[in-house]
Amino acid sequence: MTYVITERCIDVKDASCVEVCPVDCIHASEDDRMFYIDPDECIDCGACVDPCPVDAIYAEEDVPPDQQPYIEVNRLYFHDPAAARRRVAQLCPRATAGVGAGHPAAAEAAGSPAIMPEA
């Protein structure tokens, strides 16, 4: 078993999970829309789960059915990053990325100004 980062990370890319990973198995470049967990390096400790502000990380066996493609996307990234990026683009076009079309990052990617609620 390993942990998997799913769609909710797309265009959010909060690094809280990276900061707590004891084996540095969570990776991304500036070109990536999300973080990826290397299944060969992950020690299955689960330290990354709670710090994720968008609840994007699951144990592989607990990945929701609609997020199953991200199991392979995480694996693919460590063999062919460009192919993983293309797959993410297919699964989640920029206009609907992240935690939903109302998310500020999704609005910005779609060319709309982000409307933030008043504090």
PDB file of N, CA and C in Angstrom:
ATOM      1  N   MET A   1       0.842  -1.183   0.000  1.00  0.00           N
ATOM      2  CA  MET A   1       0.000   0.000   0.000  1.00  0.00           C
ATOM      3  C   MET A   1       0.886   1.244   0.000  1.00  0.00           C
ATOM      4  N   THR A   2       0.390   2.285  -0.622  1.00  0.00           N
ATOM      5  CA  THR A   2       1.044   3.583  -0.612  1.00  0.00           C
ATOM      6  C   THR A   2      -0.046   4.638  -0.481  1.00  0.00           C
ATOM      7  N   TYR A   3       0.353   5.860  -0.347  1.00  0.00           N
ATOM      8  CA  TYR A   3      -0.614   6.960  -0.329  1.00  0.00           C
ATOM      9  C   TYR A   3      -0.656   7.600  -1.707  1.00  0.00           C
ATOM     10  N   VAL A   4      -1.806   8.187  -2.039  1.00  0.00           N
ATOM     11  CA  VAL A   4      -2.057   8.724  -3.368  1.00  0.00           C
ATOM     12  C   VAL A   4      -2.633  10.127  -3.238  1.00  0.00           C
ATOM     13  N   ILE A   5      -2.122  11.035  -4.056  1.00  0.00           N
ATOM     14  CA  ILE A   5      -2.677  12.386  -4.110  1.00  0.00           C
ATOM     15  C   ILE A   5      -3.672  12.424  -5.260  1.00  0.00           C
ATOM     16  N   THR A   6      -4.842  12.997  -4.988  1.00  0.00           N
ATOM     17  CA  THR A   6      -5.940  12.973  -5.950  1.00  0.00           C
ATOM     18  C   THR A   6      -6.269  14.376  -6.469  1.00  0.00           C
ATOM     19  N   GLU A   7      -7.352  14.466  -7.198  1.00  0.00           N
ATOM     20  CA  GLU A   7      -7.746  15.658  -7.944  1.00  0.00           C
ATOM     21  C   GLU A   7      -7.826  16.940  -7.125  1.00  0.00           C
ATOM     22  N   ARG A   8      -8.209  16.857  -5.880  1.00  0.00           N
ATOM     23  CA  ARG A   8      -8.364  18.075  -5.082  1.00  0.00           C
ATOM     24  C   ARG A   8      -7.069  18.874  -4.943  1.00  0.00           C
ATOM     25  N   CYS A   9      -5.937  18.263  -5.188  1.00  0.00           N
ATOM     26  CA  CYS A   9      -4.651  18.962  -5.130  1.00  0.00           C
ATOM     27  C   CYS A   9      -4.404  19.815  -6.371  1.00  0.00           C
ATOM     28  N   ILE A  10      -5.055  19.476  -7.459  1.00  0.00           N
ATOM     29  CA  ILE A  10      -4.791  20.143  -8.729  1.00  0.00           C
ATOM     30  C   ILE A  10      -5.065  21.635  -8.621  1.00  0.00           C
ATOM     31  N   ASP A  11      -4.088  22.405  -9.029  1.00  0.00           N
ATOM     32  CA  ASP A  11      -4.115  23.870  -9.036  1.00  0.00           C
ATOM     33  C   ASP A  11      -4.226  24.489  -7.648  1.00  0.00           C
ATOM     34  N   VAL A  12      -4.084  23.666  -6.613  1.00  0.00           N
ATOM     35  CA  VAL A  12      -4.008  24.169  -5.241  1.00  0.00           C
ATOM     36  C   VAL A  12      -2.559  24.055  -4.797  1.00  0.00           C
ATOM     37  N   LYS A  13      -2.028  22.844  -4.877  1.00  0.00           N
ATOM     38  CA  LYS A  13      -0.617  22.550  -4.636  1.00  0.00           C
ATOM     39  C   LYS A  13      -0.077  23.176  -3.349  1.00  0.00           C
ATOM     40  N   ASP A  14      -0.809  23.012  -2.265  1.00  0.00           N
ATOM     41  CA  ASP A  14      -0.339  23.438  -0.954  1.00  0.00           C
ATOM     42  C   ASP A  14       0.748  22.460  -0.518  1.00  0.00           C
ATOM     43  N   ALA A  15       1.863  22.951  -0.042  1.00  0.00           N
ATOM     44  CA  ALA A  15       3.014  22.091   0.260  1.00  0.00           C
ATOM     45  C   ALA A  15       3.032  21.568   1.693  1.00  0.00           C
ATOM     46  N   SER A  16       1.936  21.646   2.402  1.00  0.00           N
ATOM     47  CA  SER A  16       1.910  21.158   3.787  1.00  0.00           C
ATOM     48  C   SER A  16       2.306  19.694   3.879  1.00  0.00           C
ATOM     49  N   CYS A  17       1.892  18.894   2.904  1.00  0.00           N
ATOM     50  CA  CYS A  17       2.225  17.471   2.912  1.00  0.00           C
ATOM     51  C   CYS A  17       3.722  17.245   2.710  1.00  0.00           C
ATOM     52  N   VAL A  18       4.318  18.049   1.862  1.00  0.00           N
ATOM     53  CA  VAL A  18       5.749  17.928   1.572  1.00  0.00           C
ATOM     54  C   VAL A  18       6.565  18.194   2.830  1.00  0.00           C
ATOM     55  N   GLU A  19       6.145  19.192   3.575  1.00  0.00           N
ATOM     56  CA  GLU A  19       6.883  19.610   4.775  1.00  0.00           C
ATOM     57  C   GLU A  19       6.916  18.537   5.854  1.00  0.00           C
ATOM     58  N   VAL A  20       5.901  17.674   5.926  1.00  0.00           N
ATOM     59  CA  VAL A  20       5.841  16.677   6.995  1.00  0.00           C
ATOM     60  C   VAL A  20       6.300  15.284   6.572  1.00  0.00           C
ATOM     61  N   CYS A  21       6.528  15.072   5.304  1.00  0.00           N
ATOM     62  CA  CYS A  21       6.917  13.736   4.837  1.00  0.00           C
ATOM     63  C   CYS A  21       8.317  13.386   5.342  1.00  0.00           C
ATOM     64  N   PRO A  22       8.437  12.311   6.126  1.00  0.00           N
ATOM     65  CA  PRO A  22       9.747  11.973   6.692  1.00  0.00           C
ATOM     66  C   PRO A  22      10.742  11.395   5.690  1.00  0.00           C
ATOM     67  N   VAL A  23      10.277  10.966   4.520  1.00  0.00           N
ATOM     68  CA  VAL A  23      11.181  10.372   3.540  1.00  0.00           C
ATOM     69  C   VAL A  23      11.250  11.167   2.243  1.00  0.00           C
ATOM     70  N   ASP A  24      10.668  12.355   2.216  1.00  0.00           N
ATOM     71  CA  ASP A  24      10.702  13.226   1.032  1.00  0.00           C
ATOM     72  C   ASP A  24      10.258  12.505  -0.243  1.00  0.00           C
ATOM     73  N   CYS A  25       9.105  11.838  -0.156  1.00  0.00           N
ATOM     74  CA  CYS A  25       8.631  11.102  -1.326  1.00  0.00           C
ATOM     75  C   CYS A  25       7.561  11.852  -2.109  1.00  0.00           C
ATOM     76  N   ILE A  26       7.263  13.090  -1.727  1.00  0.00           N
ATOM     77  CA  ILE A  26       6.241  13.882  -2.413  1.00  0.00           C
ATOM     78  C   ILE A  26       6.947  14.905  -3.276  1.00  0.00           C
ATOM     79  N   HIS A  27       6.652  14.869  -4.584  1.00  0.00           N
ATOM     80  CA  HIS A  27       7.403  15.671  -5.536  1.00  0.00           C
ATOM     81  C   HIS A  27       6.495  16.416  -6.505  1.00  0.00           C
ATOM     82  N   ALA A  28       7.046  17.484  -7.071  1.00  0.00           N
ATOM     83  CA  ALA A  28       6.401  18.236  -8.156  1.00  0.00           C
ATOM     84  C   ALA A  28       7.412  19.255  -8.656  1.00  0.00           C
ATOM     85  N   SER A  29       7.242  19.648  -9.901  1.00  0.00           N
ATOM     86  CA  SER A  29       8.042  20.737 -10.457  1.00  0.00           C
ATOM     87  C   SER A  29       7.110  21.927 -10.655  1.00  0.00           C
ATOM     88  N   GLU A  30       7.655  23.027 -11.068  1.00  0.00           N
ATOM     89  CA  GLU A  30       6.834  24.209 -11.328  1.00  0.00           C
ATOM     90  C   GLU A  30       5.830  23.949 -12.452  1.00  0.00           C
ATOM     91  N   ASP A  31       6.137  23.030 -13.358  1.00  0.00           N
ATOM     92  CA  ASP A  31       5.252  22.698 -14.474  1.00  0.00           C
ATOM     93  C   ASP A  31       4.061  21.836 -14.066  1.00  0.00           C
ATOM     94  N   ASP A  32       4.104  21.294 -12.865  1.00  0.00           N
ATOM     95  CA  ASP A  32       3.064  20.377 -12.422  1.00  0.00           C
ATOM     96  C   ASP A  32       1.915  21.123 -11.759  1.00  0.00           C
ATOM     97  N   ARG A  33       0.717  20.644 -11.986  1.00  0.00           N
ATOM     98  CA  ARG A  33      -0.478  21.242 -11.398  1.00  0.00           C
ATOM     99  C   ARG A  33      -0.823  20.632 -10.046  1.00  0.00           C
ATOM    100  N   MET A  34      -0.124  19.573  -9.670  1.00  0.00           N
ATOM    101  CA  MET A  34      -0.377  18.890  -8.406  1.00  0.00           C
ATOM    102  C   MET A  34       0.906  18.245  -7.907  1.00  0.00           C
ATOM    103  N   PHE A  35       0.893  17.768  -6.681  1.00  0.00           N
ATOM    104  CA  PHE A  35       1.997  16.987  -6.133  1.00  0.00           C
ATOM    105  C   PHE A  35       1.736  15.512  -6.412  1.00  0.00           C
ATOM    106  N   TYR A  36       2.808  14.727  -6.363  1.00  0.00           N
ATOM    107  CA  TYR A  36       2.730  13.291  -6.611  1.00  0.00           C
ATOM    108  C   TYR A  36       3.531  12.562  -5.533  1.00  0.00           C
ATOM    109  N   ILE A  37       3.028  11.402  -5.103  1.00  0.00           N
ATOM    110  CA  ILE A  37       3.729  10.575  -4.123  1.00  0.00           C
ATOM    111  C   ILE A  37       4.388   9.420  -4.854  1.00  0.00           C
ATOM    112  N   ASP A  38       5.687   9.283  -4.649  1.00  0.00           N
ATOM    113  CA  ASP A  38       6.436   8.193  -5.270  1.00  0.00           C
ATOM    114  C   ASP A  38       6.100   6.901  -4.534  1.00  0.00           C
ATOM    115  N   PRO A  39       5.432   5.962  -5.205  1.00  0.00           N
ATOM    116  CA  PRO A  39       5.024   4.729  -4.526  1.00  0.00           C
ATOM    117  C   PRO A  39       6.200   3.851  -4.106  1.00  0.00           C
ATOM    118  N   ASP A  40       7.354   4.031  -4.739  1.00  0.00           N
ATOM    119  CA  ASP A  40       8.525   3.240  -4.362  1.00  0.00           C
ATOM    120  C   ASP A  40       9.237   3.812  -3.143  1.00  0.00           C
ATOM    121  N   GLU A  41       8.999   5.086  -2.826  1.00  0.00           N
ATOM    122  CA  GLU A  41       9.648   5.721  -1.680  1.00  0.00           C
ATOM    123  C   GLU A  41       8.737   5.844  -0.467  1.00  0.00           C
ATOM    124  N   CYS A  42       7.425   5.865  -0.695  1.00  0.00           N
ATOM    125  CA  CYS A  42       6.463   6.057   0.380  1.00  0.00           C
ATOM    126  C   CYS A  42       6.570   4.909   1.386  1.00  0.00           C
ATOM    127  N   ILE A  43       6.637   5.263   2.670  1.00  0.00           N
ATOM    128  CA  ILE A  43       6.729   4.246   3.724  1.00  0.00           C
ATOM    129  C   ILE A  43       5.375   4.005   4.398  1.00  0.00           C
ATOM    130  N   ASP A  44       4.322   4.533   3.823  1.00  0.00           N
ATOM    131  CA  ASP A  44       2.960   4.290   4.298  1.00  0.00           C
ATOM    132  C   ASP A  44       2.720   4.784   5.720  1.00  0.00           C
ATOM    133  N   CYS A  45       3.369   5.872   6.101  1.00  0.00           N
ATOM    134  CA  CYS A  45       3.220   6.376   7.465  1.00  0.00           C
ATOM    135  C   CYS A  45       1.961   7.213   7.647  1.00  0.00           C
ATOM    136  N   GLY A  46       1.450   7.811   6.582  1.00  0.00           N
ATOM    137  CA  GLY A  46       0.237   8.612   6.668  1.00  0.00           C
ATOM    138  C   GLY A  46       0.432  10.013   7.215  1.00  0.00           C
ATOM    139  N   ALA A  47       1.671  10.426   7.435  1.00  0.00           N
ATOM    140  CA  ALA A  47       1.931  11.760   7.996  1.00  0.00           C
ATOM    141  C   ALA A  47       1.404  12.880   7.102  1.00  0.00           C
ATOM    142  N   CYS A  48       1.280  12.625   5.825  1.00  0.00           N
ATOM    143  CA  CYS A  48       0.852  13.645   4.860  1.00  0.00           C
ATOM    144  C   CYS A  48      -0.656  13.883   4.841  1.00  0.00           C
ATOM    145  N   VAL A  49      -1.434  12.961   5.360  1.00  0.00           N
ATOM    146  CA  VAL A  49      -2.885  13.017   5.222  1.00  0.00           C
ATOM    147  C   VAL A  49      -3.505  14.202   5.966  1.00  0.00           C
ATOM    148  N   ASP A  50      -3.292  14.301   7.250  1.00  0.00           N
ATOM    149  CA  ASP A  50      -3.938  15.358   8.039  1.00  0.00           C
ATOM    150  C   ASP A  50      -3.516  16.775   7.663  1.00  0.00           C
ATOM    151  N   PRO A  51      -2.259  17.028   7.323  1.00  0.00           N
ATOM    152  CA  PRO A  51      -1.881  18.399   6.964  1.00  0.00           C
ATOM    153  C   PRO A  51      -2.463  18.901   5.637  1.00  0.00           C
ATOM    154  N   CYS A  52      -2.954  18.009   4.798  1.00  0.00           N
ATOM    155  CA  CYS A  52      -3.491  18.420   3.498  1.00  0.00           C
ATOM    156  C   CYS A  52      -4.769  19.226   3.707  1.00  0.00           C
ATOM    157  N   PRO A  53      -4.759  20.509   3.331  1.00  0.00           N
ATOM    158  CA  PRO A  53      -5.929  21.355   3.595  1.00  0.00           C
ATOM    159  C   PRO A  53      -7.137  21.068   2.705  1.00  0.00           C
ATOM    160  N   VAL A  54      -6.954  20.305   1.641  1.00  0.00           N
ATOM    161  CA  VAL A  54      -8.070  20.014   0.731  1.00  0.00           C
ATOM    162  C   VAL A  54      -8.453  18.531   0.732  1.00  0.00           C
ATOM    163  N   ASP A  55      -7.920  17.767   1.681  1.00  0.00           N
ATOM    164  CA  ASP A  55      -8.239  16.334   1.803  1.00  0.00           C
ATOM    165  C   ASP A  55      -8.049  15.584   0.490  1.00  0.00           C
ATOM    166  N   ALA A  56      -6.879  15.769  -0.101  1.00  0.00           N
ATOM    167  CA  ALA A  56      -6.578  15.154  -1.399  1.00  0.00           C
ATOM    168  C   ALA A  56      -5.797  13.851  -1.295  1.00  0.00           C
ATOM    169  N   ILE A  57      -5.378  13.465  -0.097  1.00  0.00           N
ATOM    170  CA  ILE A  57      -4.483  12.308   0.046  1.00  0.00           C
ATOM    171  C   ILE A  57      -5.206  11.156   0.728  1.00  0.00           C
ATOM    172  N   TYR A  58      -5.086   9.983   0.098  1.00  0.00           N
ATOM    173  CA  TYR A  58      -5.733   8.773   0.605  1.00  0.00           C
ATOM    174  C   TYR A  58      -4.749   7.611   0.580  1.00  0.00           C
ATOM    175  N   ALA A  59      -4.964   6.655   1.488  1.00  0.00           N
ATOM    176  CA  ALA A  59      -4.291   5.371   1.354  1.00  0.00           C
ATOM    177  C   ALA A  59      -4.807   4.765   0.051  1.00  0.00           C
ATOM    178  N   GLU A  60      -3.944   4.104  -0.688  1.00  0.00           N
ATOM    179  CA  GLU A  60      -4.326   3.576  -2.003  1.00  0.00           C
ATOM    180  C   GLU A  60      -5.616   2.757  -1.945  1.00  0.00           C
ATOM    181  N   GLU A  61      -5.761   1.962  -0.920  1.00  0.00           N
ATOM    182  CA  GLU A  61      -6.956   1.118  -0.815  1.00  0.00           C
ATOM    183  C   GLU A  61      -8.222   1.910  -0.486  1.00  0.00           C
ATOM    184  N   ASP A  62      -8.075   3.167  -0.071  1.00  0.00           N
ATOM    185  CA  ASP A  62      -9.219   4.000   0.302  1.00  0.00           C
ATOM    186  C   ASP A  62      -9.544   5.094  -0.708  1.00  0.00           C
ATOM    187  N   VAL A  63      -8.853   5.109  -1.842  1.00  0.00           N
ATOM    188  CA  VAL A  63      -9.114   6.138  -2.855  1.00  0.00           C
ATOM    189  C   VAL A  63     -10.554   5.972  -3.353  1.00  0.00           C
ATOM    190  N   PRO A  64     -11.354   7.052  -3.308  1.00  0.00           N
ATOM    191  CA  PRO A  64     -12.740   6.952  -3.769  1.00  0.00           C
ATOM    192  C   PRO A  64     -12.808   6.488  -5.230  1.00  0.00           C
ATOM    193  N   PRO A  65     -13.890   5.828  -5.598  1.00  0.00           N
ATOM    194  CA  PRO A  65     -14.011   5.301  -6.962  1.00  0.00           C
ATOM    195  C   PRO A  65     -13.790   6.340  -8.059  1.00  0.00           C
ATOM    196  N   ASP A  66     -14.304   7.554  -7.867  1.00  0.00           N
ATOM    197  CA  ASP A  66     -14.147   8.573  -8.901  1.00  0.00           C
ATOM    198  C   ASP A  66     -12.729   9.138  -8.978  1.00  0.00           C
ATOM    199  N   GLN A  67     -11.876   8.776  -8.023  1.00  0.00           N
ATOM    200  CA  GLN A  67     -10.495   9.263  -7.993  1.00  0.00           C
ATOM    201  C   GLN A  67      -9.478   8.160  -8.321  1.00  0.00           C
ATOM    202  N   GLN A  68      -9.951   6.971  -8.640  1.00  0.00           N
ATOM    203  CA  GLN A  68      -9.078   5.832  -8.934  1.00  0.00           C
ATOM    204  C   GLN A  68      -8.027   6.114 -10.013  1.00  0.00           C
ATOM    205  N   PRO A  69      -8.336   6.892 -11.065  1.00  0.00           N
ATOM    206  CA  PRO A  69      -7.303   7.149 -12.079  1.00  0.00           C
ATOM    207  C   PRO A  69      -6.041   7.802 -11.519  1.00  0.00           C
ATOM    208  N   TYR A  70      -6.151   8.474 -10.393  1.00  0.00           N
ATOM    209  CA  TYR A  70      -4.985   9.149  -9.824  1.00  0.00           C
ATOM    210  C   TYR A  70      -3.980   8.190  -9.194  1.00  0.00           C
ATOM    211  N   ILE A  71      -4.394   6.960  -8.942  1.00  0.00           N
ATOM    212  CA  ILE A  71      -3.434   5.951  -8.484  1.00  0.00           C
ATOM    213  C   ILE A  71      -2.393   5.756  -9.576  1.00  0.00           C
ATOM    214  N   GLU A  72      -2.854   5.547 -10.790  1.00  0.00           N
ATOM    215  CA  GLU A  72      -1.929   5.353 -11.914  1.00  0.00           C
ATOM    216  C   GLU A  72      -1.191   6.641 -12.260  1.00  0.00           C
ATOM    217  N   VAL A  73      -1.841   7.784 -12.143  1.00  0.00           N
ATOM    218  CA  VAL A  73      -1.179   9.060 -12.437  1.00  0.00           C
ATOM    219  C   VAL A  73       0.023   9.258 -11.511  1.00  0.00           C
ATOM    220  N   ASN A  74      -0.142   8.947 -10.225  1.00  0.00           N
ATOM    221  CA  ASN A  74       0.975   9.080  -9.291  1.00  0.00           C
ATOM    222  C   ASN A  74       2.126   8.161  -9.668  1.00  0.00           C
ATOM    223  N   ARG A  75       1.817   6.931 -10.054  1.00  0.00           N
ATOM    224  CA  ARG A  75       2.873   5.993 -10.476  1.00  0.00           C
ATOM    225  C   ARG A  75       3.542   6.461 -11.770  1.00  0.00           C
ATOM    226  N   LEU A  76       2.727   6.871 -12.719  1.00  0.00           N
ATOM    227  CA  LEU A  76       3.214   7.287 -14.029  1.00  0.00           C
ATOM    228  C   LEU A  76       4.183   8.459 -13.932  1.00  0.00           C
ATOM    229  N   TYR A  77       3.911   9.386 -13.038  1.00  0.00           N
ATOM    230  CA  TYR A  77       4.741  10.589 -12.908  1.00  0.00           C
ATOM    231  C   TYR A  77       6.219  10.244 -12.715  1.00  0.00           C
ATOM    232  N   PHE A  78       6.515   9.177 -12.019  1.00  0.00           N
ATOM    233  CA  PHE A  78       7.906   8.834 -11.708  1.00  0.00           C
ATOM    234  C   PHE A  78       8.595   8.038 -12.812  1.00  0.00           C
ATOM    235  N   HIS A  79       7.857   7.742 -13.880  1.00  0.00           N
ATOM    236  CA  HIS A  79       8.426   7.076 -15.050  1.00  0.00           C
ATOM    237  C   HIS A  79       8.363   7.973 -16.288  1.00  0.00           C
ATOM    238  N   ASP A  80       7.308   8.788 -16.356  1.00  0.00           N
ATOM    239  CA  ASP A  80       7.103   9.661 -17.511  1.00  0.00           C
ATOM    240  C   ASP A  80       6.301  10.891 -17.078  1.00  0.00           C
ATOM    241  N   PRO A  81       6.984  11.899 -16.507  1.00  0.00           N
ATOM    242  CA  PRO A  81       6.278  13.077 -15.995  1.00  0.00           C
ATOM    243  C   PRO A  81       5.401  13.776 -17.032  1.00  0.00           C
ATOM    244  N   ALA A  82       5.851  13.854 -18.264  1.00  0.00           N
ATOM    245  CA  ALA A  82       5.060  14.521 -19.304  1.00  0.00           C
ATOM    246  C   ALA A  82       3.748  13.772 -19.549  1.00  0.00           C
ATOM    247  N   ALA A  83       3.797  12.462 -19.550  1.00  0.00           N
ATOM    248  CA  ALA A  83       2.582  11.666 -19.737  1.00  0.00           C
ATOM    249  C   ALA A  83       1.636  11.848 -18.556  1.00  0.00           C
ATOM    250  N   ALA A  84       2.182  11.940 -17.350  1.00  0.00           N
ATOM    251  CA  ALA A  84       1.336  12.171 -16.174  1.00  0.00           C
ATOM    252  C   ALA A  84       0.668  13.537 -16.260  1.00  0.00           C
ATOM    253  N   ARG A  85       1.402  14.554 -16.704  1.00  0.00           N
ATOM    254  CA  ARG A  85       0.816  15.893 -16.863  1.00  0.00           C
ATOM    255  C   ARG A  85      -0.307  15.879 -17.896  1.00  0.00           C
ATOM    256  N   ARG A  86      -0.100  15.173 -18.988  1.00  0.00           N
ATOM    257  CA  ARG A  86      -1.149  15.071 -20.015  1.00  0.00           C
ATOM    258  C   ARG A  86      -2.388  14.377 -19.454  1.00  0.00           C
ATOM    259  N   ARG A  87      -2.170  13.337 -18.677  1.00  0.00           N
ATOM    260  CA  ARG A  87      -3.295  12.605 -18.094  1.00  0.00           C
ATOM    261  C   ARG A  87      -4.065  13.482 -17.109  1.00  0.00           C
ATOM    262  N   VAL A  88      -3.358  14.250 -16.313  1.00  0.00           N
ATOM    263  CA  VAL A  88      -4.023  15.182 -15.389  1.00  0.00           C
ATOM    264  C   VAL A  88      -4.857  16.181 -16.184  1.00  0.00           C
ATOM    265  N   ALA A  89      -4.314  16.686 -17.275  1.00  0.00           N
ATOM    266  CA  ALA A  89      -5.048  17.644 -18.116  1.00  0.00           C
ATOM    267  C   ALA A  89      -6.307  17.009 -18.696  1.00  0.00           C
ATOM    268  N   GLN A  90      -6.240  15.724 -19.041  1.00  0.00           N
ATOM    269  CA  GLN A  90      -7.418  15.017 -19.556  1.00  0.00           C
ATOM    270  C   GLN A  90      -8.458  14.813 -18.460  1.00  0.00           C
ATOM    271  N   LEU A  91      -7.989  14.408 -17.290  1.00  0.00           N
ATOM    272  CA  LEU A  91      -8.898  14.120 -16.187  1.00  0.00           C
ATOM    273  C   LEU A  91      -9.534  15.376 -15.602  1.00  0.00           C
ATOM    274  N   CYS A  92      -8.777  16.474 -15.619  1.00  0.00           N
ATOM    275  CA  CYS A  92      -9.238  17.690 -14.959  1.00  0.00           C
ATOM    276  C   CYS A  92      -8.805  18.918 -15.751  1.00  0.00           C
ATOM    277  N   PRO A  93      -9.562  19.287 -16.763  1.00  0.00           N
ATOM    278  CA  PRO A  93      -9.225  20.492 -17.525  1.00  0.00           C
ATOM    279  C   PRO A  93      -9.133  21.699 -16.596  1.00  0.00           C
ATOM    280  N   ARG A  94      -8.324  22.649 -16.963  1.00  0.00           N
ATOM    281  CA  ARG A  94      -8.057  23.798 -16.084  1.00  0.00           C
ATOM    282  C   ARG A  94      -9.298  24.522 -15.591  1.00  0.00           C
ATOM    283  N   ALA A  95     -10.331  24.651 -16.367  1.00  0.00           N
ATOM    284  CA  ALA A  95     -11.514  25.409 -15.958  1.00  0.00           C
ATOM    285  C   ALA A  95     -12.247  24.774 -14.783  1.00  0.00           C
ATOM    286  N   THR A  96     -12.041  23.472 -14.548  1.00  0.00           N
ATOM    287  CA  THR A  96     -12.751  22.802 -13.461  1.00  0.00           C
ATOM    288  C   THR A  96     -11.791  22.173 -12.470  1.00  0.00           C
ATOM    289  N   ALA A  97     -10.572  22.618 -12.424  1.00  0.00           N
ATOM    290  CA  ALA A  97      -9.552  21.985 -11.598  1.00  0.00           C
ATOM    291  C   ALA A  97      -9.721  22.273 -10.115  1.00  0.00           C
ATOM    292  N   GLY A  98      -8.992  21.500  -9.324  1.00  0.00           N
ATOM    293  CA  GLY A  98      -8.899  21.741  -7.897  1.00  0.00           C
ATOM    294  C   GLY A  98     -10.169  21.366  -7.153  1.00  0.00           C
ATOM    295  N   VAL A  99     -10.470  22.139  -6.136  1.00  0.00           N
ATOM    296  CA  VAL A  99     -11.597  21.821  -5.256  1.00  0.00           C
ATOM    297  C   VAL A  99     -12.933  22.245  -5.844  1.00  0.00           C
ATOM    298  N   GLY A 100     -12.943  22.673  -7.073  1.00  0.00           N
ATOM    299  CA  GLY A 100     -14.191  23.010  -7.742  1.00  0.00           C
ATOM    300  C   GLY A 100     -14.060  24.266  -8.562  1.00  0.00           C
ATOM    301  N   ALA A 101     -14.977  24.468  -9.465  1.00  0.00           N
ATOM    302  CA  ALA A 101     -14.920  25.622 -10.360  1.00  0.00           C
ATOM    303  C   ALA A 101     -14.966  26.930  -9.594  1.00  0.00           C
ATOM    304  N   GLY A 102     -15.486  26.929  -8.369  1.00  0.00           N
ATOM    305  CA  GLY A 102     -15.535  28.145  -7.563  1.00  0.00           C
ATOM    306  C   GLY A 102     -14.244  28.441  -6.833  1.00  0.00           C
ATOM    307  N   HIS A 103     -13.290  27.521  -6.870  1.00  0.00           N
ATOM    308  CA  HIS A 103     -12.012  27.733  -6.202  1.00  0.00           C
ATOM    309  C   HIS A 103     -11.253  28.852  -6.899  1.00  0.00           C
ATOM    310  N   PRO A 104     -10.607  29.754  -6.161  1.00  0.00           N
ATOM    311  CA  PRO A 104      -9.892  30.875  -6.774  1.00  0.00           C
ATOM    312  C   PRO A 104      -8.881  30.458  -7.837  1.00  0.00           C
ATOM    313  N   ALA A 105      -8.175  29.360  -7.612  1.00  0.00           N
ATOM    314  CA  ALA A 105      -7.195  28.916  -8.606  1.00  0.00           C
ATOM    315  C   ALA A 105      -7.881  28.488  -9.896  1.00  0.00           C
ATOM    316  N   ALA A 106      -9.030  27.858  -9.787  1.00  0.00           N
ATOM    317  CA  ALA A 106      -9.759  27.427 -10.977  1.00  0.00           C
ATOM    318  C   ALA A 106     -10.297  28.636 -11.731  1.00  0.00           C
ATOM    319  N   ALA A 107     -10.797  29.622 -11.008  1.00  0.00           N
ATOM    320  CA  ALA A 107     -11.314  30.823 -11.659  1.00  0.00           C
ATOM    321  C   ALA A 107     -10.204  31.561 -12.389  1.00  0.00           C
ATOM    322  N   GLU A 108      -9.055  31.659 -11.743  1.00  0.00           N
ATOM    323  CA  GLU A 108      -7.922  32.337 -12.372  1.00  0.00           C
ATOM    324  C   GLU A 108      -7.468  31.596 -13.617  1.00  0.00           C
ATOM    325  N   ALA A 109      -7.417  30.259 -13.542  1.00  0.00           N
ATOM    326  CA  ALA A 109      -6.994  29.462 -14.686  1.00  0.00           C
ATOM    327  C   ALA A 109      -7.974  29.607 -15.840  1.00  0.00           C
ATOM    328  N   ALA A 110      -9.241  29.821 -15.524  1.00  0.00           N
ATOM    329  CA  ALA A 110     -10.251  29.968 -16.561  1.00  0.00           C
ATOM    330  C   ALA A 110     -10.301  31.387 -17.117  1.00  0.00           C
ATOM    331  N   GLY A 111      -9.495  32.287 -16.547  1.00  0.00           N
ATOM    332  CA  GLY A 111      -9.447  33.649 -17.030  1.00  0.00           C
ATOM    333  C   GLY A 111     -10.416  34.587 -16.343  1.00  0.00           C
ATOM    334  N   SER A 112     -11.059  34.117 -15.283  1.00  0.00           N
ATOM    335  CA  SER A 112     -11.997  34.944 -14.534  1.00  0.00           C
ATOM    336  C   SER A 112     -11.344  35.420 -13.262  1.00  0.00           C
ATOM    337  N   PRO A 113     -11.695  36.600 -12.806  1.00  0.00           N
ATOM    338  CA  PRO A 113     -11.150  37.017 -11.504  1.00  0.00           C
ATOM    339  C   PRO A 113     -11.735  36.157 -10.396  1.00  0.00           C
ATOM    340  N   ALA A 114     -10.919  35.834  -9.454  1.00  0.00           N
ATOM    341  CA  ALA A 114     -11.397  35.048  -8.314  1.00  0.00           C
ATOM    342  C   ALA A 114     -12.195  35.948  -7.393  1.00  0.00           C
ATOM    343  N   ILE A 115     -13.352  35.474  -6.996  1.00  0.00           N
ATOM    344  CA  ILE A 115     -14.186  36.230  -6.069  1.00  0.00           C
ATOM    345  C   ILE A 115     -14.005  35.597  -4.709  1.00  0.00           C
ATOM    346  N   MET A 116     -13.423  36.336  -3.819  1.00  0.00           N
ATOM    347  CA  MET A 116     -13.149  35.847  -2.489  1.00  0.00           C
ATOM    348  C   MET A 116     -14.238  36.330  -1.535  1.00  0.00           C
ATOM    349  N   PRO A 117     -14.714  35.477  -0.656  1.00  0.00           N
ATOM    350  CA  PRO A 117     -15.710  35.913   0.313  1.00  0.00           C
ATOM    351  C   PRO A 117     -15.089  36.920   1.278  1.00  0.00           C
ATOM    352  N   GLU A 118     -15.913  37.823   1.767  1.00  0.00           N
ATOM    353  CA  GLU A 118     -15.423  38.810   2.725  1.00  0.00           C
ATOM    354  C   GLU A 118     -15.127  38.133   4.041  1.00  0.00           C
ATOM    355  N   ALA A 119     -14.086  38.608   4.712  1.00  0.00           N
ATOM    356  CA  ALA A 119     -13.696  38.006   5.997  1.00  0.00           C
ATOM    357  C   ALA A 119     -14.538  38.531   7.117  1.00  0.00           C
TER     358      ALA A 119
END
